Amino acid sequence: MSAKKGKVERIPTLDSDAQAEEFIANADLTQYDLSEFRPVRFEFEKKTARINMRLPQSLLDAIKKRARERGMPYQRYIREVLEHTVTAR
């Protein structure tokens, strides 16, 4: 929060990467409320393989609940959990 203003502004809606880059390059970000941002994980690798599995409904419901809490689609959440488990050492 800016000490001079005492007021925190909302980030404006930006319609392109160019607008976002210009905003970041020129804005005093201390004047803006950045609390609405959360980390985003980008998936660059193309998804070409498919799987089909049966799960108990209670497990699927729990997965969907966790995915909602994380603000992501449940299939992406499943991929993230699998990737984390496979790459963890």
PDB file of N, CA and C in Angstrom:
ATOM      1  N   MET A   1       0.846  -1.167   0.000  1.00  0.00           N
ATOM      2  CA  MET A   1       0.000   0.000   0.000  1.00  0.00           C
ATOM      3  C   MET A   1       0.890   1.228   0.000  1.00  0.00           C
ATOM      4  N   SER A   2       0.560   2.232  -0.770  1.00  0.00           N
ATOM      5  CA  SER A   2       1.337   3.453  -0.841  1.00  0.00           C
ATOM      6  C   SER A   2       1.137   4.273   0.419  1.00  0.00           C
ATOM      7  N   ALA A   3       2.224   4.727   1.000  1.00  0.00           N
ATOM      8  CA  ALA A   3       2.138   5.512   2.224  1.00  0.00           C
ATOM      9  C   ALA A   3       1.506   6.864   1.969  1.00  0.00           C
ATOM     10  N   LYS A   4       1.715   7.425   0.771  1.00  0.00           N
ATOM     11  CA  LYS A   4       1.164   8.743   0.462  1.00  0.00           C
ATOM     12  C   LYS A   4      -0.344   8.692   0.255  1.00  0.00           C
ATOM     13  N   LYS A   5      -0.803   7.761  -0.526  1.00  0.00           N
ATOM     14  CA  LYS A   5      -2.220   7.707  -0.874  1.00  0.00           C
ATOM     15  C   LYS A   5      -3.068   7.066   0.214  1.00  0.00           C
ATOM     16  N   GLY A   6      -2.568   6.012   0.815  1.00  0.00           N
ATOM     17  CA  GLY A   6      -3.364   5.298   1.794  1.00  0.00           C
ATOM     18  C   GLY A   6      -4.451   4.449   1.155  1.00  0.00           C
ATOM     19  N   LYS A   7      -4.566   4.506  -0.161  1.00  0.00           N
ATOM     20  CA  LYS A   7      -5.588   3.771  -0.898  1.00  0.00           C
ATOM     21  C   LYS A   7      -4.904   2.808  -1.853  1.00  0.00           C
ATOM     22  N   VAL A   8      -5.418   1.604  -1.932  1.00  0.00           N
ATOM     23  CA  VAL A   8      -4.860   0.603  -2.829  1.00  0.00           C
ATOM     24  C   VAL A   8      -5.763   0.509  -4.051  1.00  0.00           C
ATOM     25  N   GLU A   9      -5.156   0.542  -5.222  1.00  0.00           N
ATOM     26  CA  GLU A   9      -5.912   0.481  -6.475  1.00  0.00           C
ATOM     27  C   GLU A   9      -5.977  -0.945  -6.990  1.00  0.00           C
ATOM     28  N   ARG A  10      -7.011  -1.219  -7.783  1.00  0.00           N
ATOM     29  CA  ARG A  10      -7.130  -2.524  -8.433  1.00  0.00           C
ATOM     30  C   ARG A  10      -6.313  -2.513  -9.719  1.00  0.00           C
ATOM     31  N   ILE A  11      -5.764  -3.658 -10.060  1.00  0.00           N
ATOM     32  CA  ILE A  11      -5.028  -3.810 -11.314  1.00  0.00           C
ATOM     33  C   ILE A  11      -6.021  -3.636 -12.466  1.00  0.00           C
ATOM     34  N   PRO A  12      -5.693  -2.819 -13.480  1.00  0.00           N
ATOM     35  CA  PRO A  12      -6.617  -2.657 -14.609  1.00  0.00           C
ATOM     36  C   PRO A  12      -6.681  -3.924 -15.454  1.00  0.00           C
ATOM     37  N   THR A  13      -7.745  -4.063 -16.194  1.00  0.00           N
ATOM     38  CA  THR A  13      -7.879  -5.186 -17.121  1.00  0.00           C
ATOM     39  C   THR A  13      -6.982  -4.927 -18.316  1.00  0.00           C
ATOM     40  N   LEU A  14      -6.146  -5.893 -18.627  1.00  0.00           N
ATOM     41  CA  LEU A  14      -5.204  -5.773 -19.738  1.00  0.00           C
ATOM     42  C   LEU A  14      -5.567  -6.806 -20.791  1.00  0.00           C
ATOM     43  N   ASP A  15      -5.660  -6.372 -22.039  1.00  0.00           N
ATOM     44  CA  ASP A  15      -6.169  -7.233 -23.103  1.00  0.00           C
ATOM     45  C   ASP A  15      -5.104  -7.946 -23.922  1.00  0.00           C
ATOM     46  N   SER A  16      -3.835  -7.652 -23.664  1.00  0.00           N
ATOM     47  CA  SER A  16      -2.791  -8.306 -24.453  1.00  0.00           C
ATOM     48  C   SER A  16      -1.512  -8.403 -23.631  1.00  0.00           C
ATOM     49  N   ASP A  17      -0.614  -9.249 -24.093  1.00  0.00           N
ATOM     50  CA  ASP A  17       0.692  -9.355 -23.444  1.00  0.00           C
ATOM     51  C   ASP A  17       1.431  -8.023 -23.530  1.00  0.00           C
ATOM     52  N   ALA A  18       1.292  -7.336 -24.653  1.00  0.00           N
ATOM     53  CA  ALA A  18       1.977  -6.051 -24.833  1.00  0.00           C
ATOM     54  C   ALA A  18       1.488  -5.034 -23.796  1.00  0.00           C
ATOM     55  N   GLN A  19       0.177  -4.989 -23.571  1.00  0.00           N
ATOM     56  CA  GLN A  19      -0.368  -4.081 -22.556  1.00  0.00           C
ATOM     57  C   GLN A  19       0.142  -4.455 -21.168  1.00  0.00           C
ATOM     58  N   ALA A  20       0.195  -5.741 -20.876  1.00  0.00           N
ATOM     59  CA  ALA A  20       0.673  -6.191 -19.566  1.00  0.00           C
ATOM     60  C   ALA A  20       2.139  -5.825 -19.380  1.00  0.00           C
ATOM     61  N   GLU A  21       2.951  -6.032 -20.402  1.00  0.00           N
ATOM     62  CA  GLU A  21       4.371  -5.695 -20.316  1.00  0.00           C
ATOM     63  C   GLU A  21       4.563  -4.201 -20.110  1.00  0.00           C
ATOM     64  N   GLU A  22       3.791  -3.393 -20.820  1.00  0.00           N
ATOM     65  CA  GLU A  22       3.901  -1.936 -20.668  1.00  0.00           C
ATOM     66  C   GLU A  22       3.461  -1.508 -19.269  1.00  0.00           C
ATOM     67  N   PHE A  23       2.379  -2.096 -18.778  1.00  0.00           N
ATOM     68  CA  PHE A  23       1.902  -1.761 -17.443  1.00  0.00           C
ATOM     69  C   PHE A  23       2.953  -2.089 -16.389  1.00  0.00           C
ATOM     70  N   ILE A  24       3.509  -3.286 -16.446  1.00  0.00           N
ATOM     71  CA  ILE A  24       4.514  -3.713 -15.463  1.00  0.00           C
ATOM     72  C   ILE A  24       5.762  -2.839 -15.549  1.00  0.00           C
ATOM     73  N   ALA A  25       6.146  -2.473 -16.759  1.00  0.00           N
ATOM     74  CA  ALA A  25       7.355  -1.668 -16.941  1.00  0.00           C
ATOM     75  C   ALA A  25       7.194  -0.251 -16.385  1.00  0.00           C
ATOM     76  N   ASN A  26       5.973   0.279 -16.401  1.00  0.00           N
ATOM     77  CA  ASN A  26       5.779   1.689 -16.061  1.00  0.00           C
ATOM     78  C   ASN A  26       4.997   1.954 -14.778  1.00  0.00           C
ATOM     79  N   ALA A  27       4.328   0.974 -14.228  1.00  0.00           N
ATOM     80  CA  ALA A  27       3.461   1.202 -13.069  1.00  0.00           C
ATOM     81  C   ALA A  27       4.246   1.113 -11.765  1.00  0.00           C
ATOM     82  N   ASP A  28       3.799   1.869 -10.773  1.00  0.00           N
ATOM     83  CA  ASP A  28       4.313   1.735  -9.409  1.00  0.00           C
ATOM     84  C   ASP A  28       3.432   0.691  -8.728  1.00  0.00           C
ATOM     85  N   LEU A  29       3.919  -0.545  -8.686  1.00  0.00           N
ATOM     86  CA  LEU A  29       3.101  -1.652  -8.198  1.00  0.00           C
ATOM     87  C   LEU A  29       2.794  -1.569  -6.713  1.00  0.00           C
ATOM     88  N   THR A  30       3.475  -0.698  -5.989  1.00  0.00           N
ATOM     89  CA  THR A  30       3.166  -0.540  -4.558  1.00  0.00           C
ATOM     90  C   THR A  30       1.806   0.109  -4.355  1.00  0.00           C
ATOM     91  N   GLN A  31       1.234   0.683  -5.406  1.00  0.00           N
ATOM     92  CA  GLN A  31      -0.072   1.333  -5.313  1.00  0.00           C
ATOM     93  C   GLN A  31      -1.225   0.372  -5.585  1.00  0.00           C
ATOM     94  N   TYR A  32      -0.919  -0.877  -5.915  1.00  0.00           N
ATOM     95  CA  TYR A  32      -1.943  -1.818  -6.348  1.00  0.00           C
ATOM     96  C   TYR A  32      -2.101  -2.977  -5.374  1.00  0.00           C
ATOM     97  N   ASP A  33      -3.329  -3.489  -5.320  1.00  0.00           N
ATOM     98  CA  ASP A  33      -3.644  -4.649  -4.494  1.00  0.00           C
ATOM     99  C   ASP A  33      -3.259  -5.901  -5.273  1.00  0.00           C
ATOM    100  N   LEU A  34      -2.181  -6.536  -4.861  1.00  0.00           N
ATOM    101  CA  LEU A  34      -1.701  -7.732  -5.546  1.00  0.00           C
ATOM    102  C   LEU A  34      -2.194  -9.012  -4.886  1.00  0.00           C
ATOM    103  N   SER A  35      -3.023  -8.878  -3.849  1.00  0.00           N
ATOM    104  CA  SER A  35      -3.487 -10.053  -3.113  1.00  0.00           C
ATOM    105  C   SER A  35      -4.418 -10.939  -3.921  1.00  0.00           C
ATOM    106  N   GLU A  36      -5.011 -10.410  -4.977  1.00  0.00           N
ATOM    107  CA  GLU A  36      -5.930 -11.216  -5.781  1.00  0.00           C
ATOM    108  C   GLU A  36      -5.200 -12.176  -6.702  1.00  0.00           C
ATOM    109  N   PHE A  37      -3.895 -12.010  -6.837  1.00  0.00           N
ATOM    110  CA  PHE A  37      -3.118 -12.898  -7.694  1.00  0.00           C
ATOM    111  C   PHE A  37      -2.731 -14.157  -6.948  1.00  0.00           C
ATOM    112  N   ARG A  38      -2.710 -15.253  -7.678  1.00  0.00           N
ATOM    113  CA  ARG A  38      -2.253 -16.518  -7.117  1.00  0.00           C
ATOM    114  C   ARG A  38      -1.341 -17.178  -8.136  1.00  0.00           C
ATOM    115  N   PRO A  39      -0.446 -18.010  -7.672  1.00  0.00           N
ATOM    116  CA  PRO A  39       0.476 -18.649  -8.617  1.00  0.00           C
ATOM    117  C   PRO A  39      -0.266 -19.500  -9.644  1.00  0.00           C
ATOM    118  N   VAL A  40       0.238 -19.501 -10.828  1.00  0.00           N
ATOM    119  CA  VAL A  40      -0.341 -20.289 -11.911  1.00  0.00           C
ATOM    120  C   VAL A  40       0.764 -21.178 -12.467  1.00  0.00           C
ATOM    121  N   ARG A  41       0.430 -22.412 -12.693  1.00  0.00           N
ATOM    122  CA  ARG A  41       1.399 -23.346 -13.273  1.00  0.00           C
ATOM    123  C   ARG A  41       1.015 -23.568 -14.720  1.00  0.00           C
ATOM    124  N   PHE A  42       1.927 -23.282 -15.622  1.00  0.00           N
ATOM    125  CA  PHE A  42       1.662 -23.444 -17.041  1.00  0.00           C
ATOM    126  C   PHE A  42       2.036 -24.851 -17.478  1.00  0.00           C
ATOM    127  N   GLU A  43       1.236 -25.426 -18.329  1.00  0.00           N
ATOM    128  CA  GLU A  43       1.491 -26.752 -18.868  1.00  0.00           C
ATOM    129  C   GLU A  43       1.924 -26.590 -20.319  1.00  0.00           C
ATOM    130  N   PHE A  44       3.229 -26.717 -20.562  1.00  0.00           N
ATOM    131  CA  PHE A  44       3.761 -26.494 -21.897  1.00  0.00           C
ATOM    132  C   PHE A  44       3.769 -27.754 -22.751  1.00  0.00           C
ATOM    133  N   GLU A  45       3.971 -28.890 -22.110  1.00  0.00           N
ATOM    134  CA  GLU A  45       4.072 -30.127 -22.871  1.00  0.00           C
ATOM    135  C   GLU A  45       2.701 -30.530 -23.402  1.00  0.00           C
ATOM    136  N   LYS A  46       2.654 -30.864 -24.681  1.00  0.00           N
ATOM    137  CA  LYS A  46       1.397 -31.267 -25.305  1.00  0.00           C
ATOM    138  C   LYS A  46       0.926 -32.587 -24.716  1.00  0.00           C
ATOM    139  N   LYS A  47      -0.343 -32.678 -24.474  1.00  0.00           N
ATOM    140  CA  LYS A  47      -0.924 -33.894 -23.912  1.00  0.00           C
ATOM    141  C   LYS A  47      -1.441 -34.765 -25.063  1.00  0.00           C
ATOM    142  N   THR A  48      -0.767 -35.879 -25.291  1.00  0.00           N
ATOM    143  CA  THR A  48      -1.128 -36.736 -26.424  1.00  0.00           C
ATOM    144  C   THR A  48      -1.641 -38.106 -25.991  1.00  0.00           C
ATOM    145  N   ALA A  49      -1.341 -38.522 -24.772  1.00  0.00           N
ATOM    146  CA  ALA A  49      -1.764 -39.845 -24.314  1.00  0.00           C
ATOM    147  C   ALA A  49      -3.066 -39.721 -23.506  1.00  0.00           C
ATOM    148  N   ARG A  50      -3.879 -40.759 -23.600  1.00  0.00           N
ATOM    149  CA  ARG A  50      -5.135 -40.790 -22.853  1.00  0.00           C
ATOM    150  C   ARG A  50      -5.138 -41.983 -21.929  1.00  0.00           C
ATOM    151  N   ILE A  51      -5.832 -41.833 -20.815  1.00  0.00           N
ATOM    152  CA  ILE A  51      -6.065 -42.976 -19.937  1.00  0.00           C
ATOM    153  C   ILE A  51      -7.540 -42.983 -19.566  1.00  0.00           C
ATOM    154  N   ASN A  52      -7.995 -44.149 -19.187  1.00  0.00           N
ATOM    155  CA  ASN A  52      -9.369 -44.301 -18.739  1.00  0.00           C
ATOM    156  C   ASN A  52      -9.303 -45.172 -17.495  1.00  0.00           C
ATOM    157  N   MET A  53      -9.839 -44.706 -16.403  1.00  0.00           N
ATOM    158  CA  MET A  53      -9.799 -45.498 -15.177  1.00  0.00           C
ATOM    159  C   MET A  53     -11.102 -45.342 -14.415  1.00  0.00           C
ATOM    160  N   ARG A  54     -11.369 -46.339 -13.623  1.00  0.00           N
ATOM    161  CA  ARG A  54     -12.552 -46.300 -12.766  1.00  0.00           C
ATOM    162  C   ARG A  54     -12.099 -45.982 -11.350  1.00  0.00           C
ATOM    163  N   LEU A  55     -12.847 -45.097 -10.704  1.00  0.00           N
ATOM    164  CA  LEU A  55     -12.557 -44.690  -9.334  1.00  0.00           C
ATOM    165  C   LEU A  55     -13.825 -44.802  -8.510  1.00  0.00           C
ATOM    166  N   PRO A  56     -13.693 -45.011  -7.218  1.00  0.00           N
ATOM    167  CA  PRO A  56     -14.881 -44.908  -6.371  1.00  0.00           C
ATOM    168  C   PRO A  56     -15.409 -43.459  -6.440  1.00  0.00           C
ATOM    169  N   GLN A  57     -16.700 -43.299  -6.442  1.00  0.00           N
ATOM    170  CA  GLN A  57     -17.295 -41.966  -6.539  1.00  0.00           C
ATOM    171  C   GLN A  57     -16.796 -41.053  -5.419  1.00  0.00           C
ATOM    172  N   SER A  58     -16.597 -41.623  -4.224  1.00  0.00           N
ATOM    173  CA  SER A  58     -16.134 -40.809  -3.098  1.00  0.00           C
ATOM    174  C   SER A  58     -14.742 -40.233  -3.362  1.00  0.00           C
ATOM    175  N   LEU A  59     -13.874 -41.006  -4.023  1.00  0.00           N
ATOM    176  CA  LEU A  59     -12.534 -40.511  -4.343  1.00  0.00           C
ATOM    177  C   LEU A  59     -12.622 -39.405  -5.394  1.00  0.00           C
ATOM    178  N   LEU A  60     -13.420 -39.607  -6.424  1.00  0.00           N
ATOM    179  CA  LEU A  60     -13.589 -38.579  -7.446  1.00  0.00           C
ATOM    180  C   LEU A  60     -14.164 -37.299  -6.839  1.00  0.00           C
ATOM    181  N   ASP A  61     -15.132 -37.444  -5.943  1.00  0.00           N
ATOM    182  CA  ASP A  61     -15.701 -36.268  -5.277  1.00  0.00           C
ATOM    183  C   ASP A  61     -14.639 -35.522  -4.470  1.00  0.00           C
ATOM    184  N   ALA A  62     -13.770 -36.264  -3.786  1.00  0.00           N
ATOM    185  CA  ALA A  62     -12.703 -35.648  -2.996  1.00  0.00           C
ATOM    186  C   ALA A  62     -11.702 -34.944  -3.907  1.00  0.00           C
ATOM    187  N   ILE A  63     -11.380 -35.541  -5.041  1.00  0.00           N
ATOM    188  CA  ILE A  63     -10.469 -34.929  -6.014  1.00  0.00           C
ATOM    189  C   ILE A  63     -11.068 -33.636  -6.539  1.00  0.00           C
ATOM    190  N   LYS A  64     -12.338 -33.675  -6.910  1.00  0.00           N
ATOM    191  CA  LYS A  64     -12.997 -32.477  -7.435  1.00  0.00           C
ATOM    192  C   LYS A  64     -13.057 -31.371  -6.385  1.00  0.00           C
ATOM    193  N   LYS A  65     -13.268 -31.743  -5.133  1.00  0.00           N
ATOM    194  CA  LYS A  65     -13.299 -30.751  -4.055  1.00  0.00           C
ATOM    195  C   LYS A  65     -11.930 -30.093  -3.909  1.00  0.00           C
ATOM    196  N   ARG A  66     -10.870 -30.893  -3.878  1.00  0.00           N
ATOM    197  CA  ARG A  66      -9.508 -30.345  -3.762  1.00  0.00           C
ATOM    198  C   ARG A  66      -9.186 -29.448  -4.952  1.00  0.00           C
ATOM    199  N   ALA A  67      -9.590 -29.877  -6.142  1.00  0.00           N
ATOM    200  CA  ALA A  67      -9.338 -29.073  -7.343  1.00  0.00           C
ATOM    201  C   ALA A  67     -10.062 -27.733  -7.256  1.00  0.00           C
ATOM    202  N   ARG A  68     -11.312 -27.738  -6.806  1.00  0.00           N
ATOM    203  CA  ARG A  68     -12.059 -26.481  -6.622  1.00  0.00           C
ATOM    204  C   ARG A  68     -11.352 -25.566  -5.638  1.00  0.00           C
ATOM    205  N   GLU A  69     -10.861 -26.145  -4.534  1.00  0.00           N
ATOM    206  CA  GLU A  69     -10.143 -25.360  -3.530  1.00  0.00           C
ATOM    207  C   GLU A  69      -8.894 -24.720  -4.126  1.00  0.00           C
ATOM    208  N   ARG A  70      -8.281 -25.404  -5.067  1.00  0.00           N
ATOM    209  CA  ARG A  70      -7.078 -24.881  -5.727  1.00  0.00           C
ATOM    210  C   ARG A  70      -7.424 -24.006  -6.925  1.00  0.00           C
ATOM    211  N   GLY A  71      -8.717 -23.949  -7.291  1.00  0.00           N
ATOM    212  CA  GLY A  71      -9.149 -23.113  -8.410  1.00  0.00           C
ATOM    213  C   GLY A  71      -8.717 -23.639  -9.759  1.00  0.00           C
ATOM    214  N   MET A  72      -8.775 -24.964  -9.915  1.00  0.00           N
ATOM    215  CA  MET A  72      -8.349 -25.548 -11.181  1.00  0.00           C
ATOM    216  C   MET A  72      -9.292 -26.679 -11.584  1.00  0.00           C
ATOM    217  N   PRO A  73      -9.325 -27.021 -12.864  1.00  0.00           N
ATOM    218  CA  PRO A  73     -10.118 -28.168 -13.310  1.00  0.00           C
ATOM    219  C   PRO A  73      -9.588 -29.456 -12.677  1.00  0.00           C
ATOM    220  N   TYR A  74     -10.491 -30.386 -12.393  1.00  0.00           N
ATOM    221  CA  TYR A  74     -10.075 -31.581 -11.659  1.00  0.00           C
ATOM    222  C   TYR A  74      -9.106 -32.455 -12.450  1.00  0.00           C
ATOM    223  N   GLN A  75      -9.218 -32.515 -13.775  1.00  0.00           N
ATOM    224  CA  GLN A  75      -8.279 -33.329 -14.545  1.00  0.00           C
ATOM    225  C   GLN A  75      -6.878 -32.738 -14.495  1.00  0.00           C
ATOM    226  N   ARG A  76      -6.756 -31.418 -14.498  1.00  0.00           N
ATOM    227  CA  ARG A  76      -5.441 -30.794 -14.357  1.00  0.00           C
ATOM    228  C   ARG A  76      -4.881 -31.085 -12.968  1.00  0.00           C
ATOM    229  N   TYR A  77      -5.757 -31.064 -11.961  1.00  0.00           N
ATOM    230  CA  TYR A  77      -5.322 -31.387 -10.600  1.00  0.00           C
ATOM    231  C   TYR A  77      -4.770 -32.820 -10.538  1.00  0.00           C
ATOM    232  N   ILE A  78      -5.463 -33.752 -11.173  1.00  0.00           N
ATOM    233  CA  ILE A  78      -4.999 -35.146 -11.191  1.00  0.00           C
ATOM    234  C   ILE A  78      -3.624 -35.231 -11.852  1.00  0.00           C
ATOM    235  N   ARG A  79      -3.440 -34.535 -12.992  1.00  0.00           N
ATOM    236  CA  ARG A  79      -2.126 -34.529 -13.657  1.00  0.00           C
ATOM    237  C   ARG A  79      -1.047 -33.968 -12.742  1.00  0.00           C
ATOM    238  N   GLU A  80      -1.388 -32.901 -12.028  1.00  0.00           N
ATOM    239  CA  GLU A  80      -0.417 -32.278 -11.127  1.00  0.00           C
ATOM    240  C   GLU A  80      -0.015 -33.230 -10.002  1.00  0.00           C
ATOM    241  N   VAL A  81      -0.998 -33.919  -9.432  1.00  0.00           N
ATOM    242  CA  VAL A  81      -0.707 -34.872  -8.356  1.00  0.00           C
ATOM    243  C   VAL A  81       0.148 -36.016  -8.880  1.00  0.00           C
ATOM    244  N   LEU A  82      -0.189 -36.546 -10.039  1.00  0.00           N
ATOM    245  CA  LEU A  82       0.600 -37.630 -10.624  1.00  0.00           C
ATOM    246  C   LEU A  82       2.035 -37.175 -10.928  1.00  0.00           C
ATOM    247  N   GLU A  83       2.168 -36.003 -11.516  1.00  0.00           N
ATOM    248  CA  GLU A  83       3.495 -35.496 -11.839  1.00  0.00           C
ATOM    249  C   GLU A  83       4.325 -35.286 -10.567  1.00  0.00           C
ATOM    250  N   HIS A  84       3.721 -34.712  -9.566  1.00  0.00           N
ATOM    251  CA  HIS A  84       4.422 -34.480  -8.301  1.00  0.00           C
ATOM    252  C   HIS A  84       4.885 -35.811  -7.693  1.00  0.00           C
ATOM    253  N   THR A  85       4.001 -36.794  -7.710  1.00  0.00           N
ATOM    254  CA  THR A  85       4.330 -38.092  -7.130  1.00  0.00           C
ATOM    255  C   THR A  85       5.448 -38.786  -7.906  1.00  0.00           C
ATOM    256  N   VAL A  86       5.406 -38.723  -9.198  1.00  0.00           N
ATOM    257  CA  VAL A  86       6.399 -39.390 -10.028  1.00  0.00           C
ATOM    258  C   VAL A  86       7.754 -38.698  -9.964  1.00  0.00           C
ATOM    259  N   THR A  87       7.778 -37.379  -9.866  1.00  0.00           N
ATOM    260  CA  THR A  87       9.046 -36.647  -9.869  1.00  0.00           C
ATOM    261  C   THR A  87       9.613 -36.428  -8.476  1.00  0.00           C
ATOM    262  N   ALA A  88       8.871 -36.707  -7.430  1.00  0.00           N
ATOM    263  CA  ALA A  88       9.366 -36.501  -6.056  1.00  0.00           C
ATOM    264  C   ALA A  88      10.472 -37.498  -5.745  1.00  0.00           C
ATOM    265  N   ARG A  89      11.477 -37.038  -5.056  1.00  0.00           N
ATOM    266  CA  ARG A  89      12.597 -37.916  -4.677  1.00  0.00           C
ATOM    267  C   ARG A  89      12.788 -37.873  -3.199  1.00  0.00           C
TER     268      ARG A  89
END
